């Protein structure tokens, strides 16, 4: 068991109910129920709608994952859950479910960090993470540059967005272009047929005095929206493909430039890209090009593992078990602003889950007598 822990992971930080099952670094099941269609008519994620959707999807999604993996809940070595960051109500549904399952099954509970999970998921695709690894995480809520020397205990933020996240900018520009929600995949699709050099949109925070690793997409978003507005006011057609390509190029140019610079400055030979925007085809291509030129190994999981999913939470949970990290206590709480410097929320007792033993014995008697 110590070599290959079997862990179930629950992810409910936003609008996807994700349940993954992992044995060591092998993915056995990745079940997702999305409420994205319920949010589309609002043009963005509505927290209350998301929380209720998680509640309805939770048990069926866990049952589907166990069935897909061909394992019984009793075989699990632990249950991990996203404790933060994310939408408070949505996180609470996941944390409560994880506690209930862990308590009923007499298994240790691990509250883990959403961002650290996005990094750890790459182990399921490319094997154990090199130490150290530089990670560029880009999603609807986050744009961060992180340096991890041990994914279970040491993640250091080098830079982050000071305003909008990259994914947020994609959503907003898609809305201005009337392309629907979410914006990332549809802009990626239109951009393939457009000219990335057609319009010179600004590159945020790339001046000599700007912070080297921080990002800003608010100015870019405004510039694109104004450009579109000016075209419409002049009664001209908006070239959707060129706008999409030029906007996308401005985003991925800055993201990849700063990530490669951070690798060089820190002497790190591996760059991992994760988060929903990592599914963007141009980001992948430009990152590969620049990493090859700089002699850096690029690791990007397949698109399905980049967006929010339970597999990434299970992957980090399995790593916690394998490295003997202490389990979380029963008073584990959802923390909507859990800092990335805390890859997991350990219990007060040190060593392997001592605080659980008594409760688990009681639980086993109650439920399986």
Protein backbone atom coordinates (compact mmCIF):
# COMPACT_ATOMS: atom_id res chain seq x y z
CA UNK A 1 0.00 0.00 0.00
CA UNK A 2 2.77 2.46 0.86
CA UNK A 3 4.10 2.22 -2.72
CA UNK A 4 0.81 2.61 -4.55
CA UNK A 5 -1.89 4.24 -2.43
CA UNK A 6 -5.47 4.04 -3.77
CA UNK A 7 -7.08 7.45 -3.26
CA UNK A 8 -10.40 9.02 -4.25
CA UNK A 9 -10.35 12.78 -4.90
CA UNK A 10 -13.27 15.22 -4.87
CA UNK A 11 -13.10 18.63 -6.61
CA UNK A 12 -15.90 21.21 -6.30
CA UNK A 13 -14.09 24.57 -6.31
CA UNK A 14 -16.15 26.04 -9.16
CA UNK A 15 -18.77 24.62 -11.54
CA UNK A 16 -17.44 21.09 -12.18
CA UNK A 17 -18.18 18.22 -9.81
CA UNK A 18 -15.06 16.11 -10.32
CA UNK A 19 -14.35 12.72 -8.77
CA UNK A 20 -11.12 10.92 -9.60
CA UNK A 21 -9.56 7.67 -8.43
CA UNK A 22 -5.82 7.17 -8.59
CA UNK A 23 -3.48 4.32 -7.64
CA UNK A 24 -0.07 5.90 -7.07
CA UNK A 25 0.46 7.86 -10.29
CA UNK A 26 -1.97 5.76 -12.35
CA UNK A 27 -5.38 7.21 -13.20
CA UNK A 28 -8.18 4.66 -12.76
CA UNK A 29 -11.25 6.91 -13.07
CA UNK A 30 -12.04 10.54 -13.82
CA UNK A 31 -15.75 11.31 -13.59
CA UNK A 32 -17.01 14.86 -14.13
CA UNK A 33 -20.46 16.39 -13.92
CA UNK A 34 -20.48 19.96 -15.21
CA UNK A 35 -23.05 22.66 -14.52
CA UNK A 36 -21.56 24.95 -17.20
CA UNK A 37 -24.77 24.87 -19.29
CA UNK A 38 -26.77 26.12 -16.30
CA UNK A 39 -24.41 29.13 -16.04
CA UNK A 40 -24.20 29.90 -19.77
CA UNK A 41 -27.43 31.90 -19.77
CA UNK A 42 -25.96 34.18 -17.06
CA UNK A 43 -22.68 34.60 -18.99
CA UNK A 44 -20.62 33.46 -16.00
CA UNK A 45 -20.59 31.14 -13.00
CA UNK A 46 -23.32 31.77 -10.41
CA UNK A 47 -22.09 30.46 -7.02
CA UNK A 48 -25.50 29.41 -5.69
CA UNK A 49 -26.32 27.53 -8.91
CA UNK A 50 -22.93 25.79 -8.75
CA UNK A 51 -23.35 24.74 -5.11
CA UNK A 52 -26.80 23.22 -5.73
CA UNK A 53 -25.53 21.40 -8.81
CA UNK A 54 -22.65 19.88 -6.79
CA UNK A 55 -25.12 18.70 -4.20
CA UNK A 56 -27.21 16.88 -6.80
CA UNK A 57 -24.24 15.45 -8.71
CA UNK A 58 -22.04 14.33 -5.81
CA UNK A 59 -23.24 10.82 -4.96
CA UNK A 60 -23.93 9.69 -8.57
CA UNK A 61 -20.50 11.01 -9.68
CA UNK A 62 -18.70 9.17 -6.84
CA UNK A 63 -20.60 5.97 -7.67
CA UNK A 64 -19.71 6.33 -11.35
CA UNK A 65 -16.01 6.83 -10.52
CA UNK A 66 -15.89 3.73 -8.28
CA UNK A 67 -17.60 1.71 -11.00
CA UNK A 68 -15.24 3.02 -13.73
CA UNK A 69 -12.21 2.22 -11.56
CA UNK A 70 -13.53 -1.23 -10.71
CA UNK A 71 -12.81 -0.74 -7.00
CA UNK A 72 -14.93 -0.77 -3.88
CA UNK A 73 -15.03 2.21 -1.52
CA UNK A 74 -13.66 -0.04 1.23
CA UNK A 75 -10.45 -0.61 -0.78
CA UNK A 76 -9.50 3.09 -0.63
CA UNK A 77 -6.44 4.18 1.37
CA UNK A 78 -7.68 7.74 1.74
CA UNK A 79 -10.03 10.44 0.51
CA UNK A 80 -8.74 13.81 -0.64
CA UNK A 81 -10.78 16.91 -1.34
CA UNK A 82 -10.18 20.47 -2.54
CA UNK A 83 -10.28 22.59 0.64
CA UNK A 84 -9.58 25.83 -1.31
CA UNK A 85 -9.18 28.19 -3.00
CA UNK A 86 -12.54 28.48 -4.77
CA UNK A 87 -16.18 29.45 -4.27
CA UNK A 88 -16.99 29.01 -0.57
CA UNK A 89 -20.40 27.36 -1.01
CA UNK A 90 -19.16 25.03 -3.73
CA UNK A 91 -16.11 24.00 -1.68
CA UNK A 92 -18.31 23.26 1.34
CA UNK A 93 -20.31 20.68 -0.59
CA UNK A 94 -17.12 18.80 -1.53
CA UNK A 95 -15.55 19.03 1.92
CA UNK A 96 -18.75 17.84 3.61
CA UNK A 97 -19.08 14.91 1.22
CA UNK A 98 -15.43 13.93 1.69
CA UNK A 99 -15.80 14.00 5.47
CA UNK A 100 -18.94 11.86 5.31
CA UNK A 101 -17.29 9.23 3.11
CA UNK A 102 -14.03 9.24 5.10
CA UNK A 103 -15.88 8.94 8.40
CA UNK A 104 -18.21 6.19 7.18
CA UNK A 105 -15.39 4.17 5.64
CA UNK A 106 -12.87 4.76 8.44
CA UNK A 107 -10.34 6.30 6.03
CA UNK A 108 -7.96 9.26 6.48
CA UNK A 109 -9.12 12.59 5.05
CA UNK A 110 -6.80 14.97 3.17
CA UNK A 111 -7.84 18.57 2.50
CA UNK A 112 -5.65 19.72 -0.41
CA UNK A 113 -4.96 22.91 -2.35
CA UNK A 114 -6.65 23.40 -5.72
CA UNK A 115 -3.58 25.00 -7.33
CA UNK A 116 -1.11 22.41 -6.04
CA UNK A 117 -3.50 19.75 -7.42
CA UNK A 118 -3.32 21.36 -10.88
CA UNK A 119 0.47 20.88 -10.77
CA UNK A 120 0.36 17.35 -9.37
CA UNK A 121 -2.03 16.05 -12.04
CA UNK A 122 0.86 15.99 -14.51
CA UNK A 123 2.21 12.93 -12.67
CA UNK A 124 -0.71 10.96 -14.11
CA UNK A 125 0.44 11.84 -17.62
CA UNK A 126 4.25 12.10 -17.50
CA UNK A 127 5.29 10.26 -14.33
CA UNK A 128 6.72 11.71 -11.10
CA UNK A 129 7.23 15.48 -11.03
CA UNK A 130 10.85 16.60 -11.29
CA UNK A 131 12.02 18.54 -8.24
CA UNK A 132 12.10 21.45 -8.60
CA UNK A 133 9.35 22.14 -11.16
CA UNK A 134 8.26 25.56 -12.41
CA UNK A 135 4.49 25.68 -12.93
CA UNK A 136 2.47 28.18 -14.93
CA UNK A 137 -1.16 27.86 -13.86
CA UNK A 138 -3.69 29.64 -16.04
CA UNK A 139 -7.44 29.35 -15.60
CA UNK A 140 -10.64 31.35 -15.20
CA UNK A 141 -9.67 32.32 -11.67
CA UNK A 142 -5.88 32.11 -11.60
CA UNK A 143 -2.77 33.11 -13.51
CA UNK A 144 0.22 32.14 -11.36
CA UNK A 145 3.89 31.27 -11.66
CA UNK A 146 4.82 28.78 -8.95
CA UNK A 147 8.05 27.04 -8.02
CA UNK A 148 7.62 23.66 -6.35
CA UNK A 149 10.46 21.67 -4.81
CA UNK A 150 8.05 19.23 -3.11
CA UNK A 151 4.42 19.27 -4.22
CA UNK A 152 3.19 18.06 -0.80
CA UNK A 153 4.96 20.69 1.30
CA UNK A 154 6.78 23.40 -0.64
CA UNK A 155 5.13 25.56 -3.30
CA UNK A 156 6.46 29.11 -3.65
CA UNK A 157 4.59 31.81 -5.58
CA UNK A 158 6.86 33.87 -7.86
CA UNK A 159 4.15 35.87 -9.60
CA UNK A 160 0.40 36.15 -10.11
CA UNK A 161 -2.18 38.25 -11.86
CA UNK A 162 -2.75 41.67 -10.30
CA UNK A 163 -6.23 41.96 -11.85
CA UNK A 164 -8.10 39.64 -14.25
CA UNK A 165 -6.98 36.05 -14.71
CA UNK A 166 -6.23 34.95 -18.28
CA UNK A 167 -9.34 32.78 -18.51
CA UNK A 168 -11.49 35.64 -17.28
CA UNK A 169 -10.15 37.85 -20.09
CA UNK A 170 -11.04 35.14 -22.65
CA UNK A 171 -14.60 34.98 -21.28
CA UNK A 172 -15.03 38.75 -21.36
CA UNK A 173 -13.72 39.20 -24.91
CA UNK A 174 -15.89 36.30 -26.11
CA UNK A 175 -18.87 38.09 -24.57
CA UNK A 176 -18.01 41.37 -26.35
CA UNK A 177 -17.76 39.40 -29.63
CA UNK A 178 -21.07 37.61 -28.87
CA UNK A 179 -19.40 34.20 -29.01
CA UNK A 180 -20.98 32.75 -25.84
CA UNK A 181 -19.59 31.25 -22.61
CA UNK A 182 -17.06 29.84 -21.77
CA UNK A 183 -14.85 31.97 -24.02
CA UNK A 184 -11.56 30.03 -24.11
CA UNK A 185 -12.42 27.15 -26.49
CA UNK A 186 -14.43 29.31 -28.91
CA UNK A 187 -11.75 32.04 -29.20
CA UNK A 188 -9.14 29.32 -29.73
CA UNK A 189 -11.26 27.94 -32.59
CA UNK A 190 -11.78 31.33 -34.33
CA UNK A 191 -8.13 32.31 -33.79
CA UNK A 192 -6.95 29.34 -35.87
CA UNK A 193 -8.41 31.06 -38.93
CA UNK A 194 -7.23 34.57 -38.03
CA UNK A 195 -3.98 36.55 -38.23
CA UNK A 196 -2.24 36.96 -34.85
CA UNK A 197 -0.34 40.00 -36.17
CA UNK A 198 -3.40 41.75 -37.61
CA UNK A 199 -3.91 44.06 -34.60
CA UNK A 200 -1.21 45.24 -32.20
CA UNK A 201 -2.83 44.72 -28.81
CA UNK A 202 -0.85 45.69 -25.67
CA UNK A 203 1.32 43.24 -23.67
CA UNK A 204 0.63 43.94 -19.99
CA UNK A 205 3.45 44.37 -17.43
CA UNK A 206 6.28 43.79 -19.89
CA UNK A 207 8.11 47.09 -19.40
CA UNK A 208 11.62 47.25 -17.89
CA UNK A 209 10.31 48.53 -14.54
CA UNK A 210 7.33 46.16 -14.30
CA UNK A 211 7.35 43.17 -11.91
CA UNK A 212 9.10 40.36 -13.81
CA UNK A 213 6.66 37.55 -13.04
CA UNK A 214 3.30 39.26 -12.42
CA UNK A 215 0.52 39.38 -15.01
CA UNK A 216 -2.13 41.93 -15.91
CA UNK A 217 -4.90 41.34 -18.45
CA UNK A 218 -7.31 44.12 -17.52
CA UNK A 219 -5.69 46.72 -19.81
CA UNK A 220 -5.58 44.27 -22.70
CA UNK A 221 -9.25 43.40 -22.19
CA UNK A 222 -10.20 47.10 -22.25
CA UNK A 223 -8.05 47.76 -25.33
CA UNK A 224 -9.70 44.91 -27.26
CA UNK A 225 -13.21 45.94 -26.19
CA UNK A 226 -12.53 49.56 -27.26
CA UNK A 227 -11.13 48.45 -30.61
CA UNK A 228 -14.26 46.38 -31.28
CA UNK A 229 -16.50 49.23 -30.15
CA UNK A 230 -14.74 51.71 -32.46
CA UNK A 231 -15.29 49.38 -35.45
CA UNK A 232 -18.97 48.97 -34.62
CA UNK A 233 -19.45 52.73 -34.11
CA UNK A 234 -17.94 53.34 -37.53
CA UNK A 235 -20.47 50.91 -38.99
CA UNK A 236 -17.75 48.45 -40.01
CA UNK A 237 -17.73 44.68 -39.65
CA UNK A 238 -15.65 43.33 -36.79
CA UNK A 239 -13.10 40.78 -38.09
CA UNK A 240 -13.84 38.20 -35.38
CA UNK A 241 -11.11 35.77 -36.48
CA UNK A 242 -8.35 38.40 -36.54
CA UNK A 243 -9.48 39.92 -33.24
CA UNK A 244 -9.52 36.45 -31.64
CA UNK A 245 -6.07 35.58 -32.99
CA UNK A 246 -4.48 38.93 -32.06
CA UNK A 247 -6.01 38.94 -28.56
CA UNK A 248 -5.01 35.31 -27.93
CA UNK A 249 -1.47 36.03 -29.15
CA UNK A 250 -1.15 38.95 -26.71
CA UNK A 251 -2.17 36.68 -23.80
CA UNK A 252 0.00 33.65 -24.61
CA UNK A 253 3.00 35.79 -25.61
CA UNK A 254 3.16 37.31 -22.12
CA UNK A 255 2.40 34.03 -20.30
CA UNK A 256 5.11 32.03 -22.07
CA UNK A 257 7.69 34.82 -22.07
CA UNK A 258 7.46 35.27 -18.29
CA UNK A 259 7.38 31.52 -17.58
CA UNK A 260 10.52 30.84 -19.60
CA UNK A 261 12.26 33.83 -18.00
CA UNK A 262 11.42 32.49 -14.53
CA UNK A 263 12.88 29.08 -15.43
CA UNK A 264 16.10 30.70 -16.62
CA UNK A 265 16.36 33.02 -13.61
CA UNK A 266 15.78 30.19 -11.12
CA UNK A 267 17.88 27.63 -13.00
CA UNK A 268 14.92 25.23 -13.37
CA UNK A 269 14.90 22.84 -16.32
CA UNK A 270 11.24 21.80 -16.26
CA UNK A 271 8.15 23.90 -16.96
CA UNK A 272 4.69 22.49 -16.29
CA UNK A 273 1.59 24.28 -17.59
CA UNK A 274 -1.80 23.56 -16.03
CA UNK A 275 -5.26 25.01 -15.46
CA UNK A 276 -8.12 25.38 -17.93
CA UNK A 277 -6.33 27.80 -20.28
CA UNK A 278 -3.54 25.22 -20.68
CA UNK A 279 -5.96 23.48 -23.05
CA UNK A 280 -5.40 26.42 -25.46
CA UNK A 281 -3.67 25.17 -28.61
CA UNK A 282 -1.67 28.36 -29.24
CA UNK A 283 -0.41 28.49 -25.65
CA UNK A 284 0.86 24.92 -26.00
CA UNK A 285 2.52 25.59 -29.36
CA UNK A 286 4.26 28.83 -28.34
CA UNK A 287 5.38 27.38 -25.00
CA UNK A 288 6.88 24.38 -26.81
CA UNK A 289 8.68 26.65 -29.27
CA UNK A 290 10.16 28.88 -26.55
CA UNK A 291 11.07 26.01 -24.22
CA UNK A 292 12.86 24.18 -27.04
CA UNK A 293 14.85 27.33 -27.78
CA UNK A 294 15.78 27.75 -24.09
CA UNK A 295 16.57 24.07 -23.48
CA UNK A 296 13.67 23.61 -21.04
CA UNK A 297 11.58 20.45 -20.80
CA UNK A 298 7.88 21.30 -21.20
CA UNK A 299 5.20 19.18 -19.51
CA UNK A 300 1.54 19.85 -20.30
CA UNK A 301 -1.16 17.31 -19.37
CA UNK A 302 -3.83 16.44 -21.93
CA UNK A 303 -6.64 19.04 -22.10
CA UNK A 304 -9.13 16.98 -20.03
CA UNK A 305 -6.68 16.95 -17.11
CA UNK A 306 -6.00 20.70 -17.40
CA UNK A 307 -9.55 21.82 -16.64
CA UNK A 308 -10.88 21.27 -13.09
CA UNK A 309 -11.20 17.55 -12.34
CA UNK A 310 -11.19 15.06 -9.48
CA UNK A 311 -8.16 13.16 -10.83
CA UNK A 312 -5.82 16.02 -9.90
CA UNK A 313 -7.13 16.06 -6.31
CA UNK A 314 -6.73 12.28 -6.08
CA UNK A 315 -3.19 12.56 -7.52
CA UNK A 316 -2.14 15.02 -4.80
CA UNK A 317 -3.91 12.94 -2.15
CA UNK A 318 -2.03 9.82 -3.27
CA UNK A 319 1.24 11.77 -3.05
CA UNK A 320 0.33 12.86 0.52
CA UNK A 321 -0.27 9.22 1.52
CA UNK A 322 2.88 7.99 -0.24
CA UNK A 323 5.03 10.59 1.53
CA UNK A 324 3.41 9.99 4.92
CA UNK A 325 1.98 13.50 5.30
CA UNK A 326 -0.43 13.88 8.22
CA UNK A 327 -4.13 13.59 7.46
CA UNK A 328 -6.51 16.50 8.05
CA UNK A 329 -8.66 16.73 11.16
CA UNK A 330 -12.44 16.32 11.21
CA UNK A 331 -12.84 20.06 11.74
CA UNK A 332 -11.33 20.64 8.27
CA UNK A 333 -13.02 23.69 6.81
CA UNK A 334 -13.38 25.05 3.29
CA UNK A 335 -11.10 28.06 2.81
CA UNK A 336 -12.01 30.11 -0.26
CA UNK A 337 -8.65 31.94 -0.16
CA UNK A 338 -6.36 29.05 0.89
CA UNK A 339 -2.83 30.24 -0.01
CA UNK A 340 -0.87 28.15 -2.49
CA UNK A 341 1.97 28.02 0.06
CA UNK A 342 -0.23 25.45 1.86
CA UNK A 343 -0.47 22.44 -0.48
CA UNK A 344 -2.59 20.70 2.14
CA UNK A 345 -4.30 21.32 5.46
CA UNK A 346 -2.62 18.97 7.94
CA UNK A 347 -4.23 17.84 11.18
CA UNK A 348 -2.96 18.97 14.56
CA UNK A 349 -1.70 15.49 15.41
CA UNK A 350 1.63 14.63 13.81
CA UNK A 351 2.49 11.28 12.42
CA UNK A 352 0.00 9.26 10.42
CA UNK A 353 -3.56 10.15 11.31
CA UNK A 354 -3.50 9.42 15.04
CA UNK A 355 -6.46 11.69 15.69
CA UNK A 356 -8.52 9.46 13.40
CA UNK A 357 -7.98 6.11 15.04
CA UNK A 358 -10.49 6.42 17.84
CA UNK A 359 -13.18 7.97 15.67
CA UNK A 360 -12.60 5.44 12.93
CA UNK A 361 -12.99 2.52 15.30
CA UNK A 362 -16.32 4.00 16.43
CA UNK A 363 -17.32 4.62 12.82
CA UNK A 364 -16.54 1.05 11.77
CA UNK A 365 -18.58 -0.34 14.66
CA UNK A 366 -21.51 1.87 13.81
CA UNK A 367 -21.59 1.34 10.08
CA UNK A 368 -20.23 -2.07 9.45
CA UNK A 369 -21.32 -4.07 12.48
